[in-house]
Protein backbone atom coordinates (compact mmCIF):
# COMPACT_ATOMS: atom_id res chain seq x y z
CA MET A 1 17.69 -40.60 17.32
CA ASN A 2 21.51 -41.16 17.95
CA ASN A 3 23.79 -38.84 15.05
CA GLN A 4 26.77 -40.72 15.94
CA ASN A 5 25.30 -43.27 13.77
CA ILE A 6 23.80 -41.07 10.87
CA TYR A 7 25.81 -40.56 7.67
CA HIS A 8 24.46 -36.92 6.55
CA PHE A 9 25.37 -36.55 2.45
CA VAL A 10 26.21 -32.66 1.65
CA GLY A 11 24.91 -33.04 -1.91
CA ILE A 12 23.37 -36.34 -1.88
CA LYS A 13 21.28 -35.88 -5.30
CA GLY A 14 24.72 -36.04 -7.00
CA SER A 15 24.93 -39.01 -8.97
CA GLY A 16 27.51 -41.10 -6.82
CA MET A 17 26.64 -39.16 -3.83
CA SER A 18 22.92 -40.86 -4.12
CA ALA A 19 24.41 -44.36 -5.22
CA LEU A 20 26.83 -44.05 -2.36
CA ALA A 21 23.27 -43.20 0.35
CA LEU A 22 21.86 -46.16 -1.26
CA ILE A 23 24.99 -48.83 -0.74
CA LEU A 24 25.12 -47.78 3.35
CA HIS A 25 21.01 -47.94 3.71
CA GLY A 26 21.04 -51.50 2.18
CA LYS A 27 23.90 -52.29 4.45
CA GLY A 28 21.68 -50.65 7.88
CA GLN A 29 22.95 -48.06 8.38
CA GLN A 30 21.04 -44.57 9.04
CA VAL A 31 21.55 -42.19 6.10
CA GLN A 32 19.88 -38.46 5.49
CA GLY A 33 21.49 -35.53 3.07
CA SER A 34 20.89 -32.01 2.05
CA ASP A 35 21.17 -30.64 -1.87
CA VAL A 36 18.63 -27.88 -3.41
CA GLU A 37 15.26 -28.34 -3.98
CA THR A 38 15.18 -28.71 -7.64
CA TYR A 39 14.04 -32.11 -8.41
CA PHE A 40 16.69 -34.23 -10.01
CA PHE A 41 16.12 -38.55 -11.58
CA THR A 42 19.02 -39.48 -9.35
CA GLN A 43 16.49 -38.72 -5.95
CA LYS A 44 13.93 -41.47 -7.46
CA GLY A 45 15.70 -44.26 -5.40
CA LEU A 46 16.19 -41.95 -2.20
CA ASP A 47 12.47 -41.19 -2.25
CA ASP A 48 11.44 -44.67 -2.82
CA LEU A 49 13.53 -45.46 0.58
CA LYS A 50 12.38 -42.32 2.57
CA ILE A 51 15.78 -41.10 2.76
CA PRO A 52 15.31 -37.78 4.07
CA ILE A 53 16.55 -34.75 1.77
CA TYR A 54 16.44 -31.58 3.38
CA PRO A 55 17.40 -28.31 1.59
CA PHE A 56 21.39 -27.13 2.63
CA ASN A 57 21.28 -25.31 5.91
CA GLU A 58 23.77 -25.18 8.84
CA GLU A 59 20.94 -26.90 11.02
CA ASN A 60 20.69 -30.21 9.55
CA ILE A 61 24.18 -30.61 11.25
CA LYS A 62 24.16 -32.17 14.22
CA PRO A 63 27.09 -33.27 16.45
CA GLY A 64 28.27 -36.90 16.40
CA MET A 65 27.55 -37.39 12.69
CA THR A 66 29.59 -38.81 9.69
CA VAL A 67 29.63 -36.31 6.78
CA ILE A 68 29.89 -37.07 3.65
CA ALA A 69 30.68 -34.04 1.28
CA GLY A 70 29.95 -33.83 -2.51
CA ASN A 71 32.99 -32.86 -4.76
CA ALA A 72 30.84 -29.90 -6.30
CA PHE A 73 30.62 -28.19 -2.89
CA PRO A 74 33.67 -26.46 -1.33
CA ASP A 75 35.15 -26.26 2.49
CA THR A 76 33.00 -22.83 2.59
CA HIS A 77 29.77 -24.49 2.21
CA GLU A 78 28.04 -23.59 5.22
CA GLU A 79 27.21 -27.42 5.88
CA ILE A 80 30.58 -28.09 6.03
CA VAL A 81 32.18 -24.98 7.84
CA ARG A 82 29.46 -26.10 11.06
CA ALA A 83 30.63 -29.59 10.56
CA LYS A 84 34.08 -28.24 11.28
CA GLU A 85 33.46 -26.23 13.68
CA LEU A 86 31.55 -29.30 16.02
CA GLY A 87 34.90 -31.40 15.23
CA LEU A 88 33.06 -33.85 12.92
CA GLU A 89 34.82 -36.07 10.85
CA VAL A 90 34.33 -34.57 6.58
CA ILE A 91 35.23 -37.08 4.31
CA ARG A 92 35.22 -36.18 0.54
CA TYR A 93 32.78 -38.69 -1.74
CA HIS A 94 35.48 -40.17 -3.29
CA ASN A 95 38.04 -40.50 -0.91
CA PHE A 96 34.98 -42.10 1.84
CA ILE A 97 34.70 -45.03 -1.29
CA GLY A 98 38.32 -45.68 -1.64
CA ASP A 99 38.23 -46.64 1.75
CA PHE A 100 35.12 -48.46 1.37
CA ILE A 101 36.26 -50.60 -1.42
CA LYS A 102 39.05 -51.95 0.63
CA ASN A 103 35.95 -54.67 2.12
CA PHE A 104 35.50 -56.43 -1.16
CA THR A 105 37.01 -58.02 -4.41
CA SER A 106 36.38 -54.49 -6.08
CA ILE A 107 36.50 -53.57 -9.92
CA GLY A 108 37.11 -50.17 -10.64
CA ILE A 109 35.90 -49.28 -14.40
CA THR A 110 36.98 -45.74 -15.71
CA GLY A 111 37.57 -44.58 -19.51
CA SER A 112 36.25 -41.32 -20.98
CA HIS A 113 33.11 -42.59 -22.29
CA GLY A 114 30.84 -45.91 -21.72
CA LYS A 115 31.92 -46.25 -17.77
CA THR A 116 28.79 -46.07 -16.50
CA SER A 117 26.99 -48.27 -19.18
CA THR A 118 30.03 -50.58 -18.39
CA THR A 119 29.86 -50.60 -14.86
CA GLY A 120 26.05 -51.45 -15.03
CA LEU A 121 26.69 -53.84 -17.42
CA LEU A 122 28.98 -55.54 -14.63
CA SER A 123 26.65 -55.15 -12.00
CA HIS A 124 23.84 -56.92 -13.60
CA VAL A 125 25.45 -59.90 -14.83
CA LEU A 126 27.80 -60.55 -11.18
CA GLY A 127 25.19 -59.86 -9.16
CA GLY A 128 23.38 -62.59 -10.61
CA ILE A 129 25.95 -65.03 -10.09
CA GLU A 130 27.77 -63.64 -7.10
CA PRO A 131 26.58 -61.41 -4.06
CA THR A 132 27.34 -57.97 -5.06
CA SER A 133 27.68 -54.34 -4.17
CA TYR A 134 27.52 -51.52 -7.10
CA LEU A 135 28.18 -47.82 -7.40
CA ILE A 136 26.66 -46.74 -10.68
CA GLY A 137 27.08 -43.27 -11.97
CA ASP A 138 23.50 -42.79 -12.65
CA GLY A 139 22.70 -42.76 -9.60
CA THR A 140 21.98 -46.14 -9.09
CA GLY A 141 23.48 -47.58 -5.81
CA TYR A 142 23.05 -50.97 -3.91
CA GLY A 143 24.35 -52.27 -0.91
CA ARG A 144 24.44 -56.08 0.20
CA GLU A 145 25.52 -57.72 3.66
CA ASP A 146 27.12 -60.16 2.43
CA ALA A 147 28.29 -59.22 -0.82
CA ASP A 148 31.86 -60.48 -1.84
CA TYR A 149 32.57 -58.27 -5.06
CA PHE A 150 31.98 -54.35 -4.78
CA VAL A 151 31.76 -52.62 -8.78
CA LEU A 152 32.21 -49.34 -8.57
CA GLU A 153 32.15 -46.00 -11.59
CA ALA A 154 35.37 -44.59 -11.26
CA CYS A 155 35.58 -40.95 -12.46
CA GLU A 156 38.68 -39.38 -13.93
CA TYR A 157 37.54 -35.54 -13.44
CA ARG A 158 40.22 -33.90 -12.13
CA ARG A 159 41.73 -36.86 -10.96
CA HIS A 160 39.21 -38.00 -8.62
CA PHE A 161 40.20 -42.13 -9.22
CA LEU A 162 43.33 -41.82 -8.17
CA ALA A 163 41.74 -42.22 -4.35
CA TYR A 164 41.02 -45.33 -5.33
CA GLN A 165 42.52 -48.75 -5.32
CA PRO A 166 40.92 -51.48 -6.62
CA ASP A 167 41.94 -55.40 -7.25
CA TYR A 168 41.01 -54.72 -11.04
CA GLY A 169 40.77 -51.81 -13.22
CA ILE A 170 38.62 -51.94 -16.63
CA ILE A 171 39.84 -49.07 -18.77
CA THR A 172 37.09 -48.47 -22.09
CA ASN A 173 38.35 -45.90 -24.19
CA ILE A 174 40.95 -43.09 -23.53
CA ASP A 175 39.91 -39.30 -25.18
CA PHE A 176 40.22 -35.87 -24.80
CA ASP A 177 37.36 -34.68 -22.96
CA HIS A 178 37.13 -32.28 -19.68
CA PRO A 179 38.59 -29.23 -21.22
CA ASP A 180 38.46 -27.74 -18.03
CA TYR A 181 40.70 -29.41 -15.95
CA TYR A 182 42.68 -31.46 -18.49
CA LYS A 183 45.25 -29.30 -20.82
CA ASP A 184 45.77 -32.12 -23.83
CA ILE A 185 45.08 -35.93 -24.81
CA GLN A 186 48.80 -36.49 -23.27
CA ASP A 187 47.53 -35.00 -19.85
CA VAL A 188 44.66 -37.58 -19.90
CA VAL A 189 46.47 -40.48 -20.92
CA SER A 190 48.80 -39.68 -17.88
CA ALA A 191 45.97 -39.61 -15.07
CA PHE A 192 44.64 -43.34 -16.63
CA GLU A 193 48.22 -44.20 -16.45
CA SER A 194 48.95 -43.10 -12.56
CA PHE A 195 44.96 -44.85 -11.74
CA ALA A 196 46.24 -47.96 -13.66
CA SER A 197 49.52 -47.87 -11.56
CA GLN A 198 47.33 -48.08 -8.64
CA VAL A 199 45.60 -51.49 -9.11
CA LYS A 200 45.90 -54.68 -7.66
CA LYS A 201 45.71 -57.63 -9.19
CA GLY A 202 44.89 -57.36 -12.98
CA LEU A 203 44.17 -54.60 -15.77
CA ILE A 204 41.31 -54.97 -18.62
CA LEU A 205 41.70 -52.73 -21.06
CA CYS A 206 40.15 -51.84 -24.19
CA GLY A 207 42.88 -53.18 -26.88
CA ASP A 208 41.24 -51.75 -30.22
CA ASP A 209 42.00 -47.73 -28.59
CA PRO A 210 45.18 -46.09 -29.90
CA TYR A 211 46.06 -44.57 -26.62
CA MET A 212 45.98 -47.62 -24.47
CA ASP A 213 49.44 -48.55 -25.69
CA GLN A 214 50.33 -45.83 -23.71
CA ILE A 215 49.32 -47.69 -20.10
CA GLN A 216 52.46 -49.33 -18.99
CA THR A 217 51.99 -51.75 -16.07
CA ASN A 218 53.80 -54.79 -14.23
CA LEU A 219 50.34 -56.00 -13.74
CA PRO A 220 48.36 -58.86 -15.84
CA THR A 221 47.08 -57.12 -18.62
CA TYR A 222 44.08 -58.42 -20.76
CA LEU A 223 43.46 -56.58 -23.98
CA TYR A 224 39.97 -56.96 -25.63
CA GLY A 225 38.51 -55.57 -28.75
CA THR A 226 37.12 -56.66 -32.32
CA GLN A 227 41.22 -56.32 -33.34
CA SER A 228 42.88 -59.97 -33.63
CA LYS A 229 45.27 -58.53 -31.78
CA ASN A 230 44.12 -58.87 -28.64
CA ASP A 231 43.38 -61.26 -26.00
CA VAL A 232 40.02 -61.32 -25.89
CA VAL A 233 37.99 -61.03 -29.21
CA ALA A 234 35.10 -60.32 -30.97
CA SER A 235 33.85 -61.96 -34.36
CA ASN A 236 31.25 -63.12 -36.26
CA ILE A 237 29.47 -60.12 -35.41
CA GLU A 238 25.34 -60.14 -36.70
CA LYS A 239 23.44 -56.57 -35.96
CA THR A 240 19.88 -56.69 -35.48
CA THR A 241 17.16 -54.72 -34.74
CA ASN A 242 16.99 -56.54 -31.54
CA GLY A 243 20.68 -56.48 -30.55
CA CYS A 244 24.16 -57.59 -31.33
CA LEU A 245 25.67 -61.36 -31.57
CA PHE A 246 29.23 -62.44 -31.37
CA ASP A 247 31.84 -65.39 -30.66
CA VAL A 248 34.41 -64.26 -28.23
CA THR A 249 37.60 -66.00 -28.71
CA ILE A 250 40.05 -65.89 -25.78
CA LYS A 251 43.78 -66.46 -26.31
CA GLY A 252 43.27 -67.58 -29.73
CA ASP A 253 40.74 -70.29 -28.21
CA PHE A 254 36.45 -70.60 -29.40
CA TYR A 255 35.15 -69.57 -25.46
CA GLY A 256 31.61 -69.23 -26.99
CA ARG A 257 28.42 -66.84 -28.75
CA PHE A 258 26.81 -64.24 -26.71
CA SER A 259 23.69 -62.01 -27.68
CA ILE A 260 23.12 -58.63 -26.27
CA PRO A 261 20.32 -56.93 -26.45
CA LEU A 262 21.97 -53.58 -26.81
CA PHE A 263 23.26 -51.86 -29.88
CA GLY A 264 26.09 -50.51 -31.72
CA ASN A 265 29.75 -51.23 -31.45
CA HIS A 266 30.52 -49.54 -28.36
CA ASN A 267 28.01 -52.01 -26.54
CA ILE A 268 29.60 -55.10 -28.10
CA LEU A 269 33.35 -53.88 -26.48
CA ASN A 270 31.47 -52.98 -22.99
CA SER A 271 30.26 -56.72 -23.01
CA LEU A 272 33.57 -57.79 -23.85
CA ALA A 273 35.19 -56.01 -20.93
CA VAL A 274 32.62 -57.70 -18.72
CA ILE A 275 33.11 -61.64 -20.00
CA THR A 276 36.68 -60.63 -19.57
CA PHE A 277 36.36 -60.25 -15.80
CA THR A 278 33.92 -62.95 -15.36
CA TYR A 279 36.66 -64.94 -17.53
CA LEU A 280 39.46 -64.32 -15.26
CA GLU A 281 36.94 -65.19 -12.06
CA GLY A 282 36.39 -68.08 -13.22
CA LEU A 283 32.70 -67.77 -13.34
CA PRO A 284 30.61 -69.77 -14.74
CA LYS A 285 30.01 -69.26 -18.61
CA GLN A 286 26.84 -70.08 -19.18
CA ALA A 287 25.49 -67.85 -16.71
CA VAL A 288 27.40 -64.88 -17.68
CA GLN A 289 25.80 -65.35 -21.13
CA ALA A 290 22.08 -65.90 -19.76
CA GLN A 291 22.53 -62.83 -17.53
CA LEU A 292 23.94 -60.66 -20.42
CA GLU A 293 20.97 -61.74 -22.29
CA THR A 294 18.62 -59.84 -19.92
CA PHE A 295 20.05 -56.58 -19.14
CA GLY A 296 17.43 -53.80 -19.31
CA GLY A 297 19.96 -50.88 -19.56
CA VAL A 298 21.00 -47.62 -17.19
CA LYS A 299 19.64 -44.82 -16.21
CA ARG A 300 19.24 -41.99 -19.31
CA ARG A 301 21.55 -44.54 -21.80
CA PHE A 302 19.51 -44.97 -24.80
CA THR A 303 16.31 -44.78 -22.15
CA GLU A 304 13.31 -45.52 -24.88
CA LYS A 305 9.74 -44.07 -25.14
CA ALA A 306 7.11 -44.84 -27.85
CA VAL A 307 4.59 -42.03 -27.80
CA GLY A 308 1.71 -42.35 -31.21
CA ASP A 309 4.15 -43.40 -33.76
CA MET A 310 6.98 -41.59 -32.70
CA ILE A 311 9.56 -43.29 -30.43
CA ILE A 312 11.60 -40.62 -28.05
CA ILE A 313 14.73 -41.52 -26.58
CA ASP A 314 16.50 -39.66 -23.90
CA ASP A 315 20.58 -39.94 -23.62
CA TYR A 316 23.71 -38.29 -21.69
CA ALA A 317 26.07 -38.31 -24.58
CA HIS A 318 27.32 -34.91 -24.31
CA HIS A 319 30.89 -35.61 -26.30
CA PRO A 320 31.55 -36.46 -29.66
CA GLN A 321 32.19 -40.27 -29.18
CA GLU A 322 29.34 -40.61 -27.28
CA ILE A 323 27.04 -38.52 -29.92
CA LYS A 324 28.11 -41.24 -32.63
CA ALA A 325 27.97 -44.25 -30.67
CA THR A 326 24.23 -43.37 -29.68
CA LEU A 327 23.56 -42.41 -33.35
CA ASP A 328 24.87 -45.40 -34.81
CA ALA A 329 22.63 -48.05 -31.99
CA ALA A 330 19.62 -45.45 -33.25
CA HIS A 331 20.51 -46.53 -36.75
CA GLN A 332 20.82 -50.37 -35.82
CA LYS A 333 17.94 -50.23 -34.25
CA TYR A 334 15.15 -48.23 -36.34
CA PRO A 335 16.96 -48.76 -39.58
CA ASN A 336 14.12 -47.52 -41.10
CA LYS A 337 13.24 -44.46 -39.36
CA GLU A 338 14.32 -40.72 -39.92
CA ILE A 339 16.73 -40.19 -36.79
CA VAL A 340 16.58 -36.03 -35.31
CA ALA A 341 19.10 -35.09 -33.18
CA VAL A 342 18.38 -32.50 -30.21
CA PHE A 343 21.37 -32.33 -28.73
CA GLN A 344 22.44 -29.90 -25.73
CA PRO A 345 26.09 -28.59 -26.00
CA HIS A 346 27.31 -29.14 -22.03
CA THR A 347 29.77 -26.96 -20.85
CA PHE A 348 31.56 -23.73 -23.22
CA THR A 349 34.65 -25.13 -22.34
CA ARG A 350 33.95 -28.47 -23.45
CA THR A 351 31.86 -26.89 -26.48
CA ILE A 352 34.99 -24.82 -27.76
CA ALA A 353 38.04 -27.42 -27.72
CA LEU A 354 35.81 -30.08 -29.85
CA LEU A 355 33.75 -28.13 -31.69
CA ASP A 356 34.42 -29.63 -35.47
CA GLU A 357 34.06 -32.71 -34.07
CA PHE A 358 30.18 -31.89 -32.34
CA ALA A 359 29.35 -30.92 -36.03
CA GLU A 360 30.90 -33.70 -37.74
CA ALA A 361 29.05 -36.57 -35.15
CA LEU A 362 25.94 -34.70 -35.57
CA ASN A 363 26.19 -34.63 -39.37
CA VAL A 364 25.15 -38.60 -38.70
CA ALA A 365 21.83 -38.22 -37.59
CA ASP A 366 19.14 -37.28 -40.44
CA ALA A 367 17.98 -33.66 -38.96
CA VAL A 368 19.68 -31.82 -36.24
CA TYR A 369 18.56 -29.42 -33.72
CA LEU A 370 20.44 -27.55 -30.55
CA CYS A 371 19.66 -26.00 -27.28
CA GLU A 372 21.17 -23.32 -26.24
CA ILE A 373 23.98 -24.65 -24.08
CA PHE A 374 23.71 -26.26 -20.98
CA ALA A 375 26.77 -23.84 -18.72
CA SER A 376 28.72 -24.90 -15.84
CA ALA A 377 28.68 -23.37 -12.44
CA ARG A 378 31.99 -22.90 -12.34
CA GLU A 379 32.07 -20.74 -16.00
CA LYS A 380 32.04 -17.13 -15.97
CA GLY A 381 30.42 -15.36 -18.69
CA ALA A 382 30.04 -16.97 -22.40
CA THR A 383 32.60 -17.08 -24.56
CA ILE A 384 31.09 -19.08 -27.79
CA SER A 385 26.91 -19.08 -28.38
CA VAL A 386 25.24 -22.36 -29.90
CA GLN A 387 25.05 -20.68 -33.14
CA ASN A 388 28.68 -21.06 -33.54
CA LEU A 389 27.94 -25.05 -34.00
CA ALA A 390 24.73 -24.73 -35.79
CA ASP A 391 26.71 -22.46 -38.64
CA LYS A 392 28.86 -25.65 -38.75
CA VAL A 393 26.44 -28.44 -38.72
CA GLU A 394 26.43 -29.77 -42.57
CA LYS A 395 23.21 -30.39 -43.21
CA GLY A 396 21.57 -26.97 -41.00
CA ALA A 397 20.94 -26.78 -37.23
CA GLU A 398 17.83 -25.05 -36.17
CA ILE A 399 18.02 -23.83 -32.13
CA LEU A 400 14.87 -24.76 -30.28
CA THR A 401 13.68 -22.97 -27.40
CA LEU A 402 11.27 -24.59 -24.55
CA GLU A 403 8.86 -22.89 -25.33
CA ASN A 404 8.61 -23.65 -28.98
CA LEU A 405 9.24 -27.04 -29.82
CA SER A 406 6.64 -27.16 -32.80
CA PRO A 407 9.64 -27.93 -35.34
CA LEU A 408 9.36 -31.14 -34.21
CA LEU A 409 5.96 -31.94 -34.73
CA GLN A 410 6.43 -32.11 -38.48
CA TYR A 411 8.02 -36.08 -38.26
CA GLU A 412 5.59 -38.90 -38.46
CA ASP A 413 6.95 -42.47 -37.66
CA ALA A 414 10.62 -41.00 -36.72
CA VAL A 415 12.87 -41.18 -33.45
CA ILE A 416 13.40 -38.05 -31.56
CA LEU A 417 16.59 -38.71 -29.81
CA PHE A 418 17.79 -35.91 -27.32
CA MET A 419 21.29 -35.96 -26.16
CA GLY A 420 23.21 -34.21 -23.25
CA ALA A 421 24.28 -33.96 -19.54
CA GLY A 422 22.62 -30.70 -18.71
CA ASP A 423 19.27 -30.63 -18.27
CA VAL A 424 17.61 -31.51 -22.04
CA GLN A 425 15.42 -33.91 -20.90
CA LYS A 426 13.12 -31.41 -19.55
CA PHE A 427 12.86 -30.71 -23.64
CA GLY A 428 12.09 -34.56 -24.26
CA HIS A 429 9.31 -33.95 -21.63
CA ALA A 430 7.58 -30.87 -22.81
CA TYR A 431 7.94 -32.46 -26.50
CA GLU A 432 6.50 -35.32 -25.27
CA GLU A 433 3.82 -33.52 -23.42
CA LEU A 434 3.17 -31.59 -26.83
CA LEU A 435 2.76 -34.47 -29.25
CA SER A 436 0.36 -36.10 -26.66
CA ARG A 437 -1.77 -33.12 -26.39
CA SER A 438 -1.50 -32.76 -30.87
CA ILE A 439 -2.37 -36.94 -31.09
CA LYS A 440 -5.43 -36.10 -28.57
CA ARG A 441 -6.62 -33.48 -30.93
CA VAL A 442 -5.99 -35.11 -33.92
CA ASN A 443 -7.70 -38.32 -32.87
């Protein structure tokens, strides 16, 4: 094997890394990678294509390889050290992407919330009309040899998105998050303004967001939202148990009525961002309408499964605004069912910074259960416990352990919503198994 043409990914199971590996594979490149041996949902696509995944070991690194390093791994990592000893080029993930997208008409999608869903939606719509490559933060990536467009999720954490200079930028919203890095909301706004300043052709911004006025730019800018002040406006909104319908006006002129099989106000806004881009690029409206109607969602965003008379939903929501949006969607789709929230806080720093907001968001659920806080590898020692959050939830919250999920068996014909960015899926899987066993015993 000629190592000269091999891309080796250090941390290939990361959501962005696995997606990039899939893109390069799709473009005919030889790809391999290394990671911990724990199974992650992001590796399914890699496994399906038989892309080799090795345990971390400096012996994986061979002369001639190009090494792409995940942002979570320091320069002291054994494989990165070995690569540098061999004189190999080691490229950080976000820097590689920054260079890679220069060959396409690129769309960078960012925001404190909703960027994965919006990237997935635009990739689906655009990919059904024009040759498109895309990289989504749920670990999904697709590379086409003949692609004209590249749709990219651009993450604001540690200002990584400043490695990108896309043709178009979409900003879904601005909110205070990642308190381990950002000092306050103005620090966050300044990061998004820096990103906007690097966009080349045009900006598409959610005009309903109160912080978007602070994005100062000389670029052509389109604002979208439900407020009449915006350039692209959704009105006559109809919410059903099958999704949402709404009219779209652009610069005051009626453009069309659109239907999406998605739930909640946030998905209407995400759709408006996509419609705005396709309008600016002159893509046929009827094709856009048809593609929007067939979107199946992205991984770990309101992913549903029915077991008996119960609906189990897995969702990545880990910020108060995301929890509110997910609960809003659940109440819309299942207006006559009890909505039970099972939430696993993600990182001590976020839990401390947003404690009251988390409690307020969870109060929208009919019942609340909490899992122990999922700590970041960067955090040293607990300074808060999940009980602090439980004490603030108005209707009370019970703390679950993986060994005892039986409190959830009291519910019938209800929705159990598992939310979090850590490993809350294992609670969902364990509950599903427990529920299936209890149904068999009854039958």
